[in-house]
Amino acid sequence: MKIIKTNFIALFSTIACLTPKLKLGILTLLFGLLPLPALANYKVIVSPRPSGEIITLKVEVLDENNVPIEDLKKSDFKIEAAKLNQTLSVINRMRLIPPGEQLKPEPAYVVILLDMSGSMQEEDANKVKKIDGAISAIREYIKLVRDNNLPVSIALVPFGEGGRSKCNYEVNQQIIAKSFFLANNQELDKKVTDLSQSPTCSATNLYEPLKAAVQYLGNPNQFNKNENNNELDENTDTPQIPPKVAVILLSDGYHNKNRETEETQFAEVETVLKENPAVRVYALGYGESLQHLRDRAYNCDITNYQLTQNNAVDLISKCRLSGKNIANFIVDQPRLKQIAELGGGISQFPDNATDAVNSLETFFKALRYYELQYKQVGAEPAEEYQAKVSINSASRKIDGSSEPVTFRIPNFSIQLPLIPDRLIILMLTLAALGGTLWWFKGWSEQLKKDAERWL
């Protein structure tokens, strides 16, 4: 007994001795598990544009939701470059041109798919008919492109299927091709006005129009003369950067064509999106959230988690609204979000016309980019080089870097100094003005001589 008692005393003494250390260890473990402030990872997408030893990099900076990041400073960027297969080194001198300040922005082609289903006659949260809110948002989008003087061609394409001809809006690649107008073309305004007066009485077929638009834009032959998408500039042998191509899918509903095979149909959409990674897809689901719709319906025992799943539409369609058909208010948020994610774009879900305008403004920002210029020391014509861009801003908690991109120095190019475009314009203007004054002075002196000879 004495031995057992001695052992217990020793054990308790050991525990008492270790207790502070155990407490400290537990606290350390708990604090180690707490989330610490960290820089968010952002996507950085780079397109190189070499012109001799002056290299231009067109840079997109996107957050985790593919929303463009604005107002970055020169100090937030870092360029690393080198000859191919050599170690990258930091470029110490570069020039930043913010979005919207480029003298010659790259062209873009945007297809806006507008849902013409009967549910677009329903009112949004602000008591505005959804078709009217959608038309207002599209007008504002066109105005933004015009005000920023961007070389954007827009195809406004209605979609929907109906038994009557006036309710049937067919979409195929030929129709899309004929629908493109430059944003400053008045024909585009006429198209918008015509659609605002067109009947909205169709059933919603989301997938076929989307596939047609993505396949059309994904074919580079639509926009470049050379079938290899390698058309050359007039003064250089530098391949053109392909134009930006995007689809804006504006709908207030869900895919209801052959609903029983929806998963198979969506798998086809997924395949098309993966086969055409250059095409960005932006989804705008116009209407109330599924949670709000569930809360005002009855016989609707559905959890928030279930409303985030791909079968949410089928679940909520079994609920009931007083005096209304619930199908007219269902926006398939899970699928639209999935479409945007697969298409590398953004999904927005406004419930009123004002927010719909703001959503399209967000999509508009995705057409713009930063431009970085630097001098590649020792650049050799026809040789390949690589560059990488990193973004680091502790104040804005942004951290990200691009994959290294490869480019070839052209054999022939016009060398331009690494100075601001406005200074180049000023120098050219002064040179032209000086030449004009010199010619005018010579001309006036010649007139004076002629006059003296005749006197």
Protein backbone atom coordinates (compact mmCIF):
# COMPACT_ATOMS: atom_id res chain seq x y z
CA MET A 1 0.00 0.00 0.00
CA LYS A 2 2.83 2.30 0.85
CA ILE A 3 4.38 1.71 -2.58
CA ILE A 4 1.07 2.46 -4.33
CA LYS A 5 0.59 5.62 -2.26
CA THR A 6 4.13 6.73 -3.11
CA ASN A 7 3.46 6.16 -6.84
CA PHE A 8 0.22 8.21 -6.72
CA ILE A 9 2.01 11.07 -5.00
CA ALA A 10 4.73 10.99 -7.64
CA LEU A 11 2.13 10.90 -10.45
CA PHE A 12 0.18 13.88 -9.08
CA SER A 13 3.41 15.80 -8.61
CA THR A 14 4.37 15.14 -12.22
CA ILE A 15 0.95 16.27 -13.50
CA ALA A 16 1.09 19.40 -11.37
CA CYS A 17 4.52 20.14 -12.77
CA LEU A 18 3.41 19.57 -16.35
CA THR A 19 0.07 21.43 -16.14
CA PRO A 20 1.46 24.89 -17.06
CA LYS A 21 3.33 23.35 -19.99
CA LEU A 22 0.22 21.46 -21.11
CA LYS A 23 -1.85 24.65 -20.93
CA LEU A 24 0.76 26.49 -22.95
CA GLY A 25 0.85 23.69 -25.51
CA ILE A 26 -2.94 23.62 -25.86
CA LEU A 27 -3.09 27.40 -26.24
CA THR A 28 -0.33 27.27 -28.83
CA LEU A 29 -2.23 24.59 -30.77
CA LEU A 30 -5.48 26.57 -30.63
CA PHE A 31 -3.83 29.78 -31.80
CA GLY A 32 -2.11 27.82 -34.53
CA LEU A 33 -5.48 26.66 -35.80
CA LEU A 34 -6.94 30.17 -35.92
CA PRO A 35 -7.04 31.77 -39.39
CA LEU A 36 -4.29 34.34 -39.76
CA PRO A 37 -4.50 37.38 -42.01
CA ALA A 38 -3.17 36.41 -45.42
CA LEU A 39 -2.85 37.87 -48.85
CA ALA A 40 -5.57 36.64 -51.18
CA ASN A 41 -4.47 34.87 -54.33
CA TYR A 42 -5.46 36.62 -57.52
CA LYS A 43 -5.28 35.50 -61.14
CA VAL A 44 -2.86 37.36 -63.38
CA ILE A 45 -3.29 36.80 -67.12
CA VAL A 46 -0.64 38.17 -69.49
CA SER A 47 -0.59 38.63 -73.28
CA PRO A 48 2.79 39.73 -74.71
CA ARG A 49 3.16 42.21 -77.57
CA PRO A 50 6.83 42.60 -78.58
CA SER A 51 8.03 45.40 -80.85
CA GLY A 52 11.77 45.10 -81.11
CA GLU A 53 13.37 45.52 -77.71
CA ILE A 54 10.32 47.35 -76.35
CA ILE A 55 7.95 44.72 -74.95
CA THR A 56 4.31 45.46 -74.13
CA LEU A 57 2.45 43.15 -71.76
CA LYS A 58 -1.32 43.34 -71.58
CA VAL A 59 -2.25 42.28 -68.05
CA GLU A 60 -5.56 41.28 -66.47
CA VAL A 61 -5.80 41.06 -62.69
CA LEU A 62 -8.83 39.13 -61.41
CA ASP A 63 -9.99 38.22 -57.93
CA GLU A 64 -11.29 34.80 -56.87
CA ASN A 65 -14.64 35.61 -58.50
CA ASN A 66 -13.00 36.72 -61.77
CA VAL A 67 -13.89 40.36 -61.05
CA PRO A 68 -11.26 42.77 -62.46
CA ILE A 69 -9.16 44.66 -59.92
CA GLU A 70 -8.86 48.39 -60.56
CA ASP A 71 -6.59 51.20 -59.36
CA LEU A 72 -3.39 49.19 -58.97
CA LYS A 73 -0.19 51.24 -58.88
CA LYS A 74 3.10 50.79 -60.65
CA SER A 75 4.73 49.75 -57.37
CA ASP A 76 2.28 46.81 -57.13
CA PHE A 77 3.70 45.19 -60.29
CA LYS A 78 6.89 43.25 -60.85
CA ILE A 79 8.17 41.98 -64.19
CA GLU A 80 10.70 39.17 -64.55
CA ALA A 81 12.05 38.39 -68.00
CA ALA A 82 14.85 36.55 -69.79
CA LYS A 83 15.74 34.73 -72.95
CA LEU A 84 13.93 31.41 -73.24
CA ASN A 85 15.40 28.65 -71.05
CA GLN A 86 17.43 31.17 -69.03
CA THR A 87 16.84 32.31 -65.45
CA LEU A 88 14.32 35.11 -65.11
CA SER A 89 15.62 38.40 -63.74
CA VAL A 90 13.72 41.39 -62.36
CA ILE A 91 13.10 44.34 -64.69
CA ASN A 92 13.92 47.52 -62.77
CA ARG A 93 12.47 50.04 -65.21
CA MET A 94 8.98 49.74 -66.63
CA ARG A 95 5.99 51.85 -67.54
CA LEU A 96 2.39 51.27 -66.42
CA ILE A 97 -0.62 52.34 -68.51
CA PRO A 98 -3.82 51.93 -66.45
CA PRO A 99 -7.06 50.53 -67.95
CA GLY A 100 -8.79 52.95 -70.28
CA GLU A 101 -5.68 55.00 -71.09
CA GLN A 102 -4.31 52.91 -73.95
CA LEU A 103 -4.12 54.76 -77.26
CA LYS A 104 -4.97 51.64 -79.22
CA PRO A 105 -7.02 49.16 -77.17
CA GLU A 106 -7.43 45.66 -78.53
CA PRO A 107 -10.73 44.86 -80.30
CA ALA A 108 -13.38 42.74 -78.61
CA TYR A 109 -16.46 40.81 -79.72
CA VAL A 110 -19.33 40.41 -77.28
CA VAL A 111 -22.51 38.37 -77.77
CA ILE A 112 -25.36 39.39 -75.46
CA LEU A 113 -27.94 36.59 -75.22
CA LEU A 114 -31.24 38.05 -74.02
CA ASP A 115 -33.94 35.81 -72.55
CA MET A 116 -37.34 36.50 -74.20
CA SER A 117 -39.36 34.08 -72.07
CA GLY A 118 -42.81 34.94 -70.73
CA SER A 119 -41.46 35.37 -67.21
CA MET A 120 -39.63 38.52 -68.35
CA GLN A 121 -43.01 40.25 -68.12
CA GLU A 122 -42.98 39.78 -64.34
CA GLU A 123 -41.89 42.68 -62.14
CA ASP A 124 -38.60 42.80 -60.28
CA ALA A 125 -38.05 43.88 -56.67
CA ASN A 126 -38.54 47.54 -57.66
CA LYS A 127 -41.79 46.86 -59.54
CA VAL A 128 -40.10 47.25 -62.95
CA LYS A 129 -40.87 44.70 -65.67
CA LYS A 130 -37.76 42.56 -66.03
CA ILE A 131 -37.66 42.98 -69.81
CA ASP A 132 -37.60 46.77 -69.31
CA GLY A 133 -34.88 46.49 -66.68
CA ALA A 134 -32.82 44.23 -68.95
CA ILE A 135 -33.16 46.62 -71.91
CA SER A 136 -32.10 49.56 -69.69
CA ALA A 137 -29.04 47.63 -68.53
CA ILE A 138 -28.06 46.76 -72.12
CA ARG A 139 -28.41 50.40 -73.19
CA GLU A 140 -26.12 51.44 -70.34
CA TYR A 141 -23.58 48.76 -71.29
CA ILE A 142 -23.46 50.05 -74.86
CA LYS A 143 -23.09 53.61 -73.57
CA LEU A 144 -20.12 52.61 -71.39
CA VAL A 145 -18.37 51.06 -74.37
CA ARG A 146 -19.00 54.17 -76.46
CA ASP A 147 -17.94 56.62 -73.75
CA ASN A 148 -14.65 54.75 -73.34
CA ASN A 149 -14.16 54.63 -77.11
CA LEU A 150 -13.45 50.90 -77.12
CA PRO A 151 -13.36 49.00 -80.44
CA VAL A 152 -16.04 46.54 -79.34
CA SER A 153 -18.45 44.79 -81.69
CA ILE A 154 -21.69 43.71 -80.02
CA ALA A 155 -24.23 41.13 -81.16
CA LEU A 156 -27.54 41.45 -79.35
CA VAL A 157 -29.26 38.10 -79.82
CA PRO A 158 -32.68 37.22 -78.32
CA PHE A 159 -33.38 33.59 -77.47
CA GLY A 160 -36.44 31.52 -76.61
CA GLU A 161 -38.62 28.77 -78.04
CA GLY A 162 -42.35 28.97 -78.64
CA GLY A 163 -45.11 27.24 -80.54
CA ARG A 164 -46.09 30.49 -82.28
CA SER A 165 -43.69 32.15 -84.72
CA LYS A 166 -43.71 35.46 -82.88
CA CYS A 167 -42.58 33.66 -79.71
CA ASN A 168 -39.77 31.72 -81.37
CA TYR A 169 -36.28 33.26 -81.27
CA GLU A 170 -33.91 30.87 -82.98
CA VAL A 171 -30.18 31.14 -82.34
CA ASN A 172 -27.44 29.68 -84.50
CA GLN A 173 -23.98 30.74 -85.63
CA GLN A 174 -25.28 32.33 -88.85
CA ILE A 175 -27.74 34.51 -86.93
CA ILE A 176 -25.00 35.52 -84.49
CA ALA A 177 -22.64 36.47 -87.35
CA LYS A 178 -25.25 38.77 -88.90
CA SER A 179 -26.03 40.44 -85.57
CA PHE A 180 -22.65 42.09 -84.93
CA PHE A 181 -22.36 45.89 -85.01
CA LEU A 182 -19.65 48.18 -83.72
CA ALA A 183 -20.82 49.78 -80.49
CA ASN A 184 -21.01 53.22 -82.11
CA ASN A 185 -23.21 51.96 -84.97
CA GLN A 186 -26.74 53.35 -84.79
CA GLU A 187 -28.06 50.01 -86.05
CA LEU A 188 -27.31 48.66 -82.61
CA ASP A 189 -29.62 51.25 -81.06
CA LYS A 190 -32.35 50.24 -83.48
CA LYS A 191 -31.86 46.59 -82.51
CA VAL A 192 -32.26 47.44 -78.82
CA THR A 193 -35.43 49.45 -79.51
CA ASP A 194 -36.90 46.65 -81.62
CA LEU A 195 -36.27 44.11 -78.87
CA SER A 196 -37.87 46.35 -76.26
CA GLN A 197 -41.07 46.16 -78.34
CA SER A 198 -40.86 42.44 -79.16
CA PRO A 199 -43.13 39.85 -77.49
CA THR A 200 -41.80 37.93 -74.51
CA CYS A 201 -43.76 34.70 -74.64
CA SER A 202 -41.15 31.96 -75.14
CA ALA A 203 -39.98 28.97 -73.17
CA THR A 204 -36.40 29.11 -71.90
CA ASN A 205 -33.76 27.10 -73.73
CA LEU A 206 -30.48 28.29 -72.20
CA TYR A 207 -28.08 25.68 -73.46
CA GLU A 208 -28.42 25.61 -77.26
CA PRO A 209 -27.99 29.41 -77.72
CA LEU A 210 -25.06 29.42 -75.31
CA LYS A 211 -23.32 26.60 -77.16
CA ALA A 212 -23.83 28.33 -80.52
CA ALA A 213 -22.39 31.62 -79.21
CA VAL A 214 -19.35 29.99 -77.59
CA GLN A 215 -18.60 27.88 -80.66
CA TYR A 216 -18.89 30.90 -82.95
CA LEU A 217 -16.60 33.09 -80.84
CA GLY A 218 -14.21 30.24 -80.20
CA ASN A 219 -13.39 30.00 -83.91
CA PRO A 220 -10.50 32.46 -84.56
CA ASN A 221 -11.22 32.36 -88.30
CA GLN A 222 -14.26 34.54 -87.64
CA PHE A 223 -12.05 37.50 -86.83
CA ASN A 224 -8.68 37.00 -88.55
CA LYS A 225 -7.97 36.59 -92.25
CA ASN A 226 -5.25 34.04 -91.68
CA GLU A 227 -6.67 30.62 -90.80
CA ASN A 228 -3.82 30.05 -88.37
CA ASN A 229 -4.79 33.15 -86.39
CA ASN A 230 -1.40 34.60 -87.21
CA GLU A 231 -2.23 37.69 -89.23
CA LEU A 232 0.71 40.11 -89.37
CA ASP A 233 0.79 43.83 -88.78
CA GLU A 234 1.60 45.96 -91.79
CA ASN A 235 4.94 47.17 -90.42
CA THR A 236 6.09 44.19 -88.36
CA ASP A 237 6.10 40.42 -88.43
CA THR A 238 4.54 40.28 -84.97
CA PRO A 239 1.44 38.07 -84.74
CA GLN A 240 -1.68 39.87 -83.61
CA ILE A 241 -3.07 39.15 -80.18
CA PRO A 242 -6.47 37.51 -80.71
CA PRO A 243 -9.37 39.83 -79.88
CA LYS A 244 -11.22 39.43 -76.61
CA VAL A 245 -14.35 37.34 -77.05
CA ALA A 246 -17.16 37.06 -74.50
CA VAL A 247 -20.75 35.96 -74.03
CA ILE A 248 -23.15 37.69 -71.65
CA LEU A 249 -26.02 35.35 -70.80
CA LEU A 250 -28.92 37.41 -69.43
CA SER A 251 -31.80 35.30 -68.14
CA ASP A 252 -34.44 35.35 -65.42
CA GLY A 253 -35.15 31.64 -65.51
CA TYR A 254 -33.83 28.14 -65.98
CA HIS A 255 -33.38 25.63 -68.78
CA ASN A 256 -36.75 23.92 -69.22
CA LYS A 257 -36.36 22.20 -72.58
CA ASN A 258 -36.57 18.42 -72.03
CA ARG A 259 -35.99 19.01 -68.35
CA GLU A 260 -35.76 15.28 -67.62
CA THR A 261 -32.42 15.15 -69.53
CA GLU A 262 -31.06 18.45 -68.18
CA GLU A 263 -27.90 16.90 -66.71
CA THR A 264 -26.97 15.32 -70.05
CA GLN A 265 -27.62 18.59 -71.88
CA PHE A 266 -25.52 20.51 -69.39
CA ALA A 267 -22.66 18.06 -69.84
CA GLU A 268 -22.63 19.06 -73.52
CA VAL A 269 -22.43 22.72 -72.52
CA GLU A 270 -19.55 21.92 -70.20
CA THR A 271 -17.68 20.19 -73.03
CA VAL A 272 -18.12 23.18 -75.36
CA LEU A 273 -16.89 25.61 -72.70
CA LYS A 274 -13.80 23.51 -72.03
CA GLU A 275 -13.08 23.24 -75.77
CA ASN A 276 -13.16 27.03 -76.14
CA PRO A 277 -11.17 28.44 -73.18
CA ALA A 278 -10.59 31.79 -74.91
CA VAL A 279 -14.31 32.62 -74.69
CA ARG A 280 -15.30 34.26 -71.41
CA VAL A 281 -18.88 33.67 -70.29
CA TYR A 282 -20.64 36.09 -67.94
CA ALA A 283 -23.97 35.07 -66.43
CA LEU A 284 -26.57 37.54 -65.21
CA GLY A 285 -29.48 35.90 -63.40
CA TYR A 286 -32.13 38.61 -63.12
CA GLY A 287 -34.68 38.01 -60.38
CA GLU A 288 -35.15 37.18 -56.71
CA SER A 289 -32.90 34.72 -54.93
CA LEU A 290 -34.00 31.13 -54.45
CA GLN A 291 -33.90 31.69 -50.68
CA HIS A 292 -36.29 34.64 -50.92
CA LEU A 293 -38.58 32.70 -53.25
CA ARG A 294 -38.63 29.74 -50.86
CA ASP A 295 -39.46 31.99 -47.91
CA ARG A 296 -42.54 33.45 -49.58
CA ALA A 297 -43.78 30.12 -50.97
CA TYR A 298 -45.65 27.41 -49.10
CA ASN A 299 -45.19 23.63 -49.00
CA CYS A 300 -41.51 24.50 -49.44
CA ASP A 301 -39.41 22.68 -46.84
CA ILE A 302 -36.01 23.16 -48.51
CA THR A 303 -32.74 23.94 -46.73
CA ASN A 304 -30.29 26.66 -47.75
CA TYR A 305 -27.78 23.97 -48.64
CA GLN A 306 -30.22 22.26 -51.00
CA LEU A 307 -30.78 25.57 -52.77
CA THR A 308 -27.09 25.67 -53.71
CA GLN A 309 -27.20 22.29 -55.44
CA ASN A 310 -27.76 21.63 -59.14
CA ASN A 311 -31.20 20.12 -58.53
CA ALA A 312 -32.45 23.20 -56.62
CA VAL A 313 -34.73 24.17 -59.52
CA ASP A 314 -36.49 20.81 -59.50
CA LEU A 315 -37.00 20.98 -55.74
CA ILE A 316 -38.38 24.50 -55.58
CA SER A 317 -40.59 24.03 -58.63
CA LYS A 318 -42.75 21.72 -56.46
CA CYS A 319 -43.50 24.60 -54.07
CA ARG A 320 -46.50 26.89 -54.49
CA LEU A 321 -47.17 30.64 -54.64
CA SER A 322 -50.48 32.26 -53.91
CA GLY A 323 -52.08 33.27 -57.22
CA LYS A 324 -48.82 32.95 -59.19
CA ASN A 325 -46.95 30.28 -61.12
CA ILE A 326 -43.73 29.74 -59.20
CA ALA A 327 -41.92 28.72 -62.41
CA ASN A 328 -42.03 32.38 -63.52
CA PHE A 329 -39.82 33.38 -60.59
CA ILE A 330 -37.20 30.63 -60.50
CA VAL A 331 -33.67 31.76 -61.42
CA ASP A 332 -31.28 28.81 -61.68
CA GLN A 333 -28.52 30.40 -59.67
CA PRO A 334 -26.45 27.20 -59.16
CA ARG A 335 -26.28 26.44 -62.91
CA LEU A 336 -25.66 30.04 -63.96
CA LYS A 337 -22.86 30.31 -61.42
CA GLN A 338 -21.41 27.05 -62.68
CA ILE A 339 -21.58 28.27 -66.30
CA ALA A 340 -19.67 31.45 -65.41
CA GLU A 341 -17.03 29.49 -63.49
CA LEU A 342 -16.50 27.09 -66.38
CA GLY A 343 -16.36 30.02 -68.79
CA GLY A 344 -13.81 31.94 -66.71
CA GLY A 345 -16.29 34.77 -66.21
CA ILE A 346 -18.43 36.39 -63.55
CA SER A 347 -21.92 35.56 -62.27
CA GLN A 348 -24.22 38.26 -60.90
CA PHE A 349 -27.75 37.93 -59.53
CA PRO A 350 -29.50 41.33 -59.33
CA ASP A 351 -33.11 41.47 -58.18
CA ASN A 352 -33.83 44.95 -59.59
CA ALA A 353 -33.08 47.08 -62.64
CA THR A 354 -30.53 49.30 -60.90
CA ASP A 355 -28.45 46.34 -59.78
CA ALA A 356 -28.77 44.83 -63.26
CA VAL A 357 -27.11 47.95 -64.68
CA ASN A 358 -24.34 47.68 -62.08
CA SER A 359 -23.83 44.01 -62.96
CA LEU A 360 -23.31 44.79 -66.64
CA GLU A 361 -20.92 47.57 -65.64
CA THR A 362 -18.86 44.92 -63.82
CA PHE A 363 -18.87 42.82 -66.99
CA PHE A 364 -17.77 45.90 -68.94
CA LYS A 365 -14.71 46.34 -66.73
CA ALA A 366 -13.56 42.89 -67.80
CA LEU A 367 -12.96 44.28 -71.30
CA ARG A 368 -10.21 46.55 -70.01
CA TYR A 369 -6.67 45.73 -68.90
CA TYR A 370 -3.40 47.13 -67.61
CA GLU A 371 -0.51 47.62 -69.97
CA LEU A 372 3.13 47.25 -68.90
CA GLN A 373 6.07 48.21 -71.09
CA TYR A 374 9.74 47.49 -70.58
CA LYS A 375 12.96 47.32 -72.56
CA GLN A 376 14.38 43.86 -73.16
CA VAL A 377 18.12 44.50 -73.03
CA GLY A 378 20.05 42.70 -75.74
CA ALA A 379 16.91 41.62 -77.58
CA GLU A 380 17.82 39.65 -80.69
CA PRO A 381 15.47 39.49 -83.70
CA ALA A 382 13.72 36.14 -84.23
CA GLU A 383 14.82 34.90 -80.77
CA GLU A 384 12.34 33.70 -78.14
CA TYR A 385 12.00 35.29 -74.71
CA GLN A 386 9.76 34.81 -71.69
CA ALA A 387 8.22 37.12 -69.12
CA LYS A 388 6.32 36.78 -65.87
CA VAL A 389 4.23 39.39 -64.05
CA SER A 390 3.64 39.37 -60.28
CA ILE A 391 1.25 41.51 -58.24
CA ASN A 392 1.90 42.20 -54.58
CA SER A 393 0.04 44.81 -52.57
CA ALA A 394 0.08 44.32 -48.81
CA SER A 395 -2.25 47.29 -48.25
CA ARG A 396 -4.92 45.76 -50.50
CA LYS A 397 -4.08 42.16 -49.55
CA ILE A 398 -3.40 41.15 -53.14
CA ASP A 399 -0.85 38.54 -54.09
CA GLY A 400 -0.63 36.68 -57.39
CA SER A 401 1.56 35.96 -60.38
CA SER A 402 1.12 34.88 -63.96
CA GLU A 403 2.49 31.84 -65.67
CA PRO A 404 5.60 32.68 -67.72
CA VAL A 405 4.58 33.65 -71.26
CA THR A 406 6.78 33.12 -74.30
CA PHE A 407 7.14 35.49 -77.24
CA ARG A 408 9.43 36.02 -80.22
CA ILE A 409 11.20 39.26 -81.07
CA PRO A 410 10.09 40.27 -84.60
CA ASN A 411 12.61 40.36 -87.41
CA PHE A 412 11.56 43.87 -88.38
CA SER A 413 9.95 46.49 -86.20
CA ILE A 414 9.80 50.20 -85.61
CA GLN A 415 11.61 51.02 -82.38
CA LEU A 416 9.79 53.42 -80.07
CA PRO A 417 11.31 54.90 -76.93
CA LEU A 418 9.91 53.88 -73.57
CA ILE A 419 8.18 57.21 -72.98
CA PRO A 420 4.53 58.11 -72.46
CA ASP A 421 2.22 58.12 -75.45
CA ARG A 422 1.11 61.67 -74.71
CA LEU A 423 4.73 62.87 -74.98
CA ILE A 424 5.06 61.14 -78.34
CA ILE A 425 1.90 62.86 -79.53
CA LEU A 426 3.19 66.22 -78.24
CA MET A 427 6.51 65.78 -80.04
CA LEU A 428 4.82 64.83 -83.30
CA THR A 429 2.39 67.76 -82.97
CA LEU A 430 5.23 70.23 -82.35
CA ALA A 431 7.17 68.80 -85.29
CA ALA A 432 4.14 69.15 -87.56
CA LEU A 433 3.51 72.69 -86.31
CA GLY A 434 7.16 73.63 -86.85
CA GLY A 435 7.09 72.24 -90.38
CA THR A 436 3.91 74.18 -91.14
CA LEU A 437 5.42 77.45 -89.85
CA TRP A 438 8.62 76.87 -91.83
CA TRP A 439 6.60 76.28 -95.02
CA PHE A 440 4.39 79.32 -94.34
CA LYS A 441 7.45 81.54 -93.81
CA GLY A 442 9.00 80.40 -97.07
CA TRP A 443 5.73 80.87 -98.90
CA SER A 444 5.25 84.42 -97.53
CA GLU A 445 8.81 85.40 -98.48
CA GLN A 446 8.27 84.10 -101.99
CA LEU A 447 5.08 86.18 -102.31
CA LYS A 448 7.00 89.25 -101.13
CA LYS A 449 9.73 88.70 -103.72
CA ASP A 450 7.17 88.25 -106.46
CA ALA A 451 5.40 91.44 -105.45
CA GLU A 452 8.66 93.44 -105.46
CA ARG A 453 9.54 92.11 -108.93
CA TRP A 454 6.27 93.39 -110.38
CA LEU A 455 6.56 96.85 -108.81
